[in-house]
């Protein structure tokens, strides 16, 4: 699992399509936590959770304990975090296709 920081303004992972973007100073938004602004450390934690969920089919008891510790930093339980990662699973890295316009 590798989380990559791209030019200090974006975090991506080779394990998940989720990403984090810096919105100024040490404030970050993460794709699976819409509407929340996190610190840089919390963004790394959120990306770690997303990567772990993407690379694990059924978490073991040990993995649930680790996820619980990580999620606690975000004010969530492991089960809440796993659900949110799965529910908000959009590939934001794809470029949007231009819309066709009718001149009529």
N, C-alpha and C. Protein backbone atom coordinates (compact mmCIF):
# COMPACT_ATOMS: atom_id res chain seq x y z
N UNK A 1 0.85 -1.17 0.00
CA UNK A 1 0.00 0.00 0.00
C UNK A 1 0.89 1.23 0.00
N UNK A 2 0.67 2.08 -0.99
CA UNK A 2 1.45 3.30 -1.07
C UNK A 2 0.52 4.49 -1.23
N UNK A 3 0.70 5.46 -0.37
CA UNK A 3 -0.03 6.71 -0.51
C UNK A 3 0.97 7.73 -1.03
N UNK A 4 0.61 8.36 -2.12
CA UNK A 4 1.51 9.29 -2.77
C UNK A 4 0.97 10.71 -2.62
N UNK A 5 1.84 11.63 -2.23
CA UNK A 5 1.48 13.03 -2.16
C UNK A 5 1.98 13.67 -3.44
N UNK A 6 1.05 14.23 -4.21
CA UNK A 6 1.36 14.83 -5.49
C UNK A 6 1.47 16.34 -5.32
N UNK A 7 2.65 16.87 -5.50
CA UNK A 7 2.94 18.31 -5.41
C UNK A 7 2.27 18.99 -4.21
N UNK A 8 2.28 18.34 -3.08
CA UNK A 8 1.78 18.86 -1.80
C UNK A 8 0.33 19.33 -1.85
N UNK A 9 -0.41 18.93 -2.88
CA UNK A 9 -1.80 19.38 -2.96
C UNK A 9 -2.80 18.24 -3.14
N UNK A 10 -2.30 17.02 -3.33
CA UNK A 10 -3.20 15.89 -3.55
C UNK A 10 -2.54 14.61 -3.05
N UNK A 11 -3.37 13.74 -2.47
CA UNK A 11 -2.91 12.41 -2.06
C UNK A 11 -3.70 11.38 -2.84
N UNK A 12 -3.00 10.38 -3.37
CA UNK A 12 -3.64 9.28 -4.06
C UNK A 12 -3.04 7.98 -3.53
N UNK A 13 -3.61 6.87 -3.96
CA UNK A 13 -3.11 5.57 -3.53
C UNK A 13 -3.21 4.61 -4.71
N UNK A 14 -2.30 3.65 -4.75
CA UNK A 14 -2.36 2.64 -5.80
C UNK A 14 -3.37 1.55 -5.48
N UNK A 15 -3.98 1.60 -4.29
CA UNK A 15 -4.94 0.59 -3.86
C UNK A 15 -6.40 1.00 -4.01
N UNK A 16 -6.65 2.31 -4.12
CA UNK A 16 -8.02 2.80 -4.13
C UNK A 16 -8.16 3.98 -5.08
N UNK A 17 -9.38 4.24 -5.51
CA UNK A 17 -9.64 5.40 -6.36
C UNK A 17 -9.90 6.65 -5.53
N UNK A 18 -9.99 6.51 -4.22
CA UNK A 18 -10.21 7.68 -3.36
C UNK A 18 -8.98 8.57 -3.37
N UNK A 19 -9.21 9.83 -3.10
CA UNK A 19 -8.12 10.80 -3.08
C UNK A 19 -8.41 11.89 -2.06
N UNK A 20 -7.36 12.62 -1.73
CA UNK A 20 -7.48 13.76 -0.82
C UNK A 20 -6.87 14.97 -1.53
N UNK A 21 -7.49 16.12 -1.34
CA UNK A 21 -6.98 17.35 -1.94
C UNK A 21 -6.82 18.42 -0.88
N UNK A 22 -5.72 19.15 -1.00
CA UNK A 22 -5.47 20.25 -0.08
C UNK A 22 -6.31 21.45 -0.54
N UNK A 23 -7.00 22.08 0.40
CA UNK A 23 -7.82 23.24 0.07
C UNK A 23 -7.25 24.52 0.70
N UNK A 24 -6.03 24.45 1.17
CA UNK A 24 -5.36 25.62 1.74
C UNK A 24 -4.80 25.32 3.11
N UNK A 25 -3.62 25.86 3.34
CA UNK A 25 -2.89 25.64 4.58
C UNK A 25 -2.83 24.16 4.89
N UNK A 26 -3.25 23.72 6.05
CA UNK A 26 -3.23 22.29 6.39
C UNK A 26 -4.65 21.75 6.44
N UNK A 27 -5.48 22.16 5.47
CA UNK A 27 -6.86 21.69 5.40
C UNK A 27 -7.02 20.82 4.15
N UNK A 28 -7.61 19.65 4.35
CA UNK A 28 -7.76 18.68 3.28
C UNK A 28 -9.20 18.18 3.20
N UNK A 29 -9.63 17.84 2.00
CA UNK A 29 -10.91 17.16 1.80
C UNK A 29 -10.61 15.80 1.20
N UNK A 30 -11.34 14.80 1.64
CA UNK A 30 -11.14 13.42 1.20
C UNK A 30 -12.40 12.96 0.49
N UNK A 31 -12.24 12.25 -0.61
CA UNK A 31 -13.37 11.88 -1.46
C UNK A 31 -14.43 11.06 -0.74
N UNK A 32 -14.07 10.25 0.22
CA UNK A 32 -15.09 9.44 0.89
C UNK A 32 -15.68 10.11 2.14
N UNK A 33 -15.25 11.32 2.41
CA UNK A 33 -15.79 12.10 3.53
C UNK A 33 -16.26 13.46 3.03
N UNK A 34 -17.24 13.49 2.13
CA UNK A 34 -17.68 14.77 1.58
C UNK A 34 -18.24 15.68 2.68
N UNK A 35 -17.93 16.96 2.56
CA UNK A 35 -18.44 17.92 3.52
C UNK A 35 -17.59 18.09 4.77
N UNK A 36 -16.50 17.33 4.87
CA UNK A 36 -15.62 17.45 6.04
C UNK A 36 -14.27 17.98 5.61
N UNK A 37 -13.67 18.80 6.45
CA UNK A 37 -12.32 19.30 6.22
C UNK A 37 -11.44 18.70 7.31
N UNK A 38 -10.32 18.12 6.89
CA UNK A 38 -9.43 17.42 7.80
C UNK A 38 -8.06 18.07 7.84
N UNK A 39 -7.29 17.74 8.86
CA UNK A 39 -5.88 18.13 8.90
C UNK A 39 -5.11 17.22 7.96
N UNK A 40 -3.88 17.56 7.70
CA UNK A 40 -3.04 16.71 6.85
C UNK A 40 -2.88 15.31 7.42
N UNK A 41 -2.67 15.19 8.73
CA UNK A 41 -2.53 13.88 9.36
C UNK A 41 -3.82 13.08 9.27
N UNK A 42 -4.95 13.75 9.47
CA UNK A 42 -6.23 13.06 9.35
C UNK A 42 -6.47 12.60 7.91
N UNK A 43 -6.03 13.39 6.94
CA UNK A 43 -6.18 13.00 5.53
C UNK A 43 -5.36 11.75 5.24
N UNK A 44 -4.15 11.68 5.78
CA UNK A 44 -3.33 10.47 5.62
C UNK A 44 -4.04 9.28 6.25
N UNK A 45 -4.61 9.48 7.43
CA UNK A 45 -5.37 8.42 8.10
C UNK A 45 -6.54 7.98 7.25
N UNK A 46 -7.30 8.93 6.70
CA UNK A 46 -8.45 8.61 5.86
C UNK A 46 -8.02 7.83 4.61
N UNK A 47 -6.91 8.23 4.03
CA UNK A 47 -6.41 7.52 2.84
C UNK A 47 -5.91 6.12 3.22
N UNK A 48 -5.34 5.97 4.40
CA UNK A 48 -4.90 4.66 4.88
C UNK A 48 -6.10 3.74 5.07
N UNK A 49 -7.18 4.28 5.63
CA UNK A 49 -8.40 3.49 5.80
C UNK A 49 -8.93 3.06 4.43
N UNK A 50 -9.02 3.99 3.49
CA UNK A 50 -9.54 3.66 2.15
C UNK A 50 -8.68 2.61 1.47
N UNK A 51 -7.38 2.72 1.60
CA UNK A 51 -6.47 1.74 0.99
C UNK A 51 -6.61 0.38 1.64
N UNK A 52 -6.75 0.36 2.95
CA UNK A 52 -6.91 -0.90 3.67
C UNK A 52 -8.21 -1.59 3.28
N UNK A 53 -9.28 -0.82 3.21
CA UNK A 53 -10.58 -1.38 2.82
C UNK A 53 -10.52 -1.92 1.40
N UNK A 54 -9.87 -1.21 0.50
CA UNK A 54 -9.78 -1.64 -0.90
C UNK A 54 -8.97 -2.91 -1.07
N UNK A 55 -7.99 -3.11 -0.22
CA UNK A 55 -7.09 -4.26 -0.39
C UNK A 55 -7.46 -5.47 0.47
N UNK A 56 -8.53 -5.35 1.28
CA UNK A 56 -8.92 -6.42 2.18
C UNK A 56 -10.35 -6.84 1.89
N UNK A 57 -10.56 -8.11 1.60
CA UNK A 57 -11.93 -8.58 1.33
C UNK A 57 -12.76 -8.60 2.60
N UNK A 58 -12.39 -9.40 3.56
CA UNK A 58 -13.08 -9.46 4.85
C UNK A 58 -12.03 -9.22 5.94
N UNK A 59 -12.14 -8.09 6.64
CA UNK A 59 -11.13 -7.80 7.66
C UNK A 59 -11.10 -8.86 8.77
N UNK A 60 -9.90 -9.18 9.21
CA UNK A 60 -9.73 -10.08 10.34
C UNK A 60 -10.01 -9.29 11.62
N UNK A 61 -10.04 -9.97 12.74
CA UNK A 61 -10.25 -9.31 14.02
C UNK A 61 -9.17 -8.27 14.27
N UNK A 62 -7.93 -8.60 13.93
CA UNK A 62 -6.82 -7.67 14.10
C UNK A 62 -6.99 -6.45 13.20
N UNK A 63 -7.40 -6.68 11.95
CA UNK A 63 -7.61 -5.56 11.02
C UNK A 63 -8.75 -4.66 11.48
N UNK A 64 -9.83 -5.25 12.04
CA UNK A 64 -10.91 -4.44 12.58
C UNK A 64 -10.40 -3.56 13.71
N UNK A 65 -9.54 -4.11 14.57
CA UNK A 65 -9.00 -3.33 15.68
C UNK A 65 -8.16 -2.17 15.17
N UNK A 66 -7.35 -2.42 14.15
CA UNK A 66 -6.53 -1.37 13.55
C UNK A 66 -7.42 -0.31 12.91
N UNK A 67 -8.43 -0.76 12.16
CA UNK A 67 -9.35 0.17 11.53
C UNK A 67 -10.10 1.00 12.57
N UNK A 68 -10.46 0.38 13.69
CA UNK A 68 -11.13 1.12 14.76
C UNK A 68 -10.24 2.24 15.31
N UNK A 69 -8.96 1.93 15.52
CA UNK A 69 -8.02 2.94 16.01
C UNK A 69 -7.87 4.08 15.01
N UNK A 70 -7.75 3.74 13.74
CA UNK A 70 -7.61 4.77 12.70
C UNK A 70 -8.88 5.61 12.59
N UNK A 71 -10.03 4.96 12.56
CA UNK A 71 -11.31 5.66 12.40
C UNK A 71 -11.58 6.58 13.58
N UNK A 72 -11.14 6.19 14.77
CA UNK A 72 -11.33 7.01 15.96
C UNK A 72 -10.71 8.40 15.78
N UNK A 73 -9.59 8.46 15.07
CA UNK A 73 -8.94 9.75 14.81
C UNK A 73 -9.84 10.67 13.97
N UNK A 74 -10.77 10.07 13.24
CA UNK A 74 -11.69 10.84 12.39
C UNK A 74 -13.07 10.99 13.04
N UNK A 75 -13.20 10.48 14.27
CA UNK A 75 -14.48 10.56 14.97
C UNK A 75 -15.49 9.54 14.48
N UNK A 76 -15.00 8.42 13.95
CA UNK A 76 -15.85 7.37 13.41
C UNK A 76 -15.51 6.03 14.05
N UNK A 77 -16.39 5.06 13.85
CA UNK A 77 -16.04 3.68 14.17
C UNK A 77 -15.51 3.03 12.90
N UNK A 78 -14.90 1.88 13.04
CA UNK A 78 -14.39 1.17 11.86
C UNK A 78 -15.52 0.81 10.92
N UNK A 79 -16.62 0.36 11.45
CA UNK A 79 -17.77 -0.02 10.60
C UNK A 79 -18.33 1.17 9.84
N UNK A 80 -18.41 2.33 10.50
CA UNK A 80 -18.86 3.54 9.80
C UNK A 80 -17.91 3.90 8.67
N UNK A 81 -16.61 3.85 8.96
CA UNK A 81 -15.61 4.21 7.96
C UNK A 81 -15.65 3.25 6.77
N UNK A 82 -15.74 1.95 7.03
CA UNK A 82 -15.78 0.95 5.95
C UNK A 82 -17.01 1.19 5.09
N UNK A 83 -18.15 1.45 5.71
CA UNK A 83 -19.38 1.72 4.96
C UNK A 83 -19.22 2.96 4.09
N UNK A 84 -18.67 4.02 4.66
CA UNK A 84 -18.53 5.28 3.92
C UNK A 84 -17.55 5.15 2.77
N UNK A 85 -16.47 4.42 2.97
CA UNK A 85 -15.51 4.18 1.88
C UNK A 85 -16.20 3.47 0.73
N UNK A 86 -16.99 2.45 1.05
CA UNK A 86 -17.68 1.68 0.00
C UNK A 86 -18.79 2.51 -0.65
N UNK A 87 -19.53 3.27 0.15
CA UNK A 87 -20.67 4.04 -0.37
C UNK A 87 -20.22 5.19 -1.28
N UNK A 88 -19.14 5.84 -0.95
CA UNK A 88 -18.65 6.99 -1.72
C UNK A 88 -17.56 6.58 -2.70
N UNK A 89 -17.72 5.45 -3.33
CA UNK A 89 -16.66 4.92 -4.18
C UNK A 89 -16.80 5.40 -5.63
N UNK A 90 -16.45 6.64 -5.87
CA UNK A 90 -16.45 7.22 -7.21
C UNK A 90 -15.01 7.42 -7.64
N UNK A 91 -14.73 7.25 -8.92
CA UNK A 91 -13.37 7.47 -9.40
C UNK A 91 -13.22 8.92 -9.82
N UNK A 92 -12.73 9.75 -8.92
CA UNK A 92 -12.57 11.17 -9.18
C UNK A 92 -11.35 11.46 -10.04
N UNK A 93 -10.52 10.46 -10.28
CA UNK A 93 -9.32 10.67 -11.09
C UNK A 93 -9.64 10.68 -12.58
N UNK A 94 -10.78 10.15 -12.97
CA UNK A 94 -11.16 10.16 -14.38
C UNK A 94 -11.54 11.58 -14.77
N UNK A 95 -11.16 11.95 -15.97
CA UNK A 95 -11.55 13.26 -16.46
C UNK A 95 -12.98 13.19 -16.99
N UNK A 96 -13.71 14.22 -16.74
CA UNK A 96 -15.10 14.26 -17.17
C UNK A 96 -15.18 14.41 -18.68
N UNK A 97 -16.12 13.70 -19.27
CA UNK A 97 -16.33 13.82 -20.70
C UNK A 97 -17.10 15.10 -20.97
N UNK A 98 -16.73 15.82 -22.02
CA UNK A 98 -17.47 17.06 -22.33
C UNK A 98 -18.90 16.72 -22.74
N UNK A 99 -19.82 17.57 -22.32
CA UNK A 99 -21.22 17.37 -22.66
C UNK A 99 -21.47 17.88 -24.07
N UNK A 100 -22.32 17.16 -24.76
CA UNK A 100 -22.71 17.59 -26.10
C UNK A 100 -23.78 18.64 -25.97
N UNK A 101 -23.64 19.68 -26.72
CA UNK A 101 -24.64 20.75 -26.71
C UNK A 101 -25.37 20.78 -28.03
N UNK A 102 -26.61 21.01 -27.93
CA UNK A 102 -27.42 21.16 -29.14
C UNK A 102 -27.58 22.64 -29.42
N UNK A 103 -27.43 23.01 -30.68
CA UNK A 103 -27.56 24.41 -31.06
C UNK A 103 -28.99 24.77 -31.42
N UNK A 104 -29.89 23.86 -31.23
CA UNK A 104 -31.29 24.12 -31.58
C UNK A 104 -31.99 24.92 -30.52
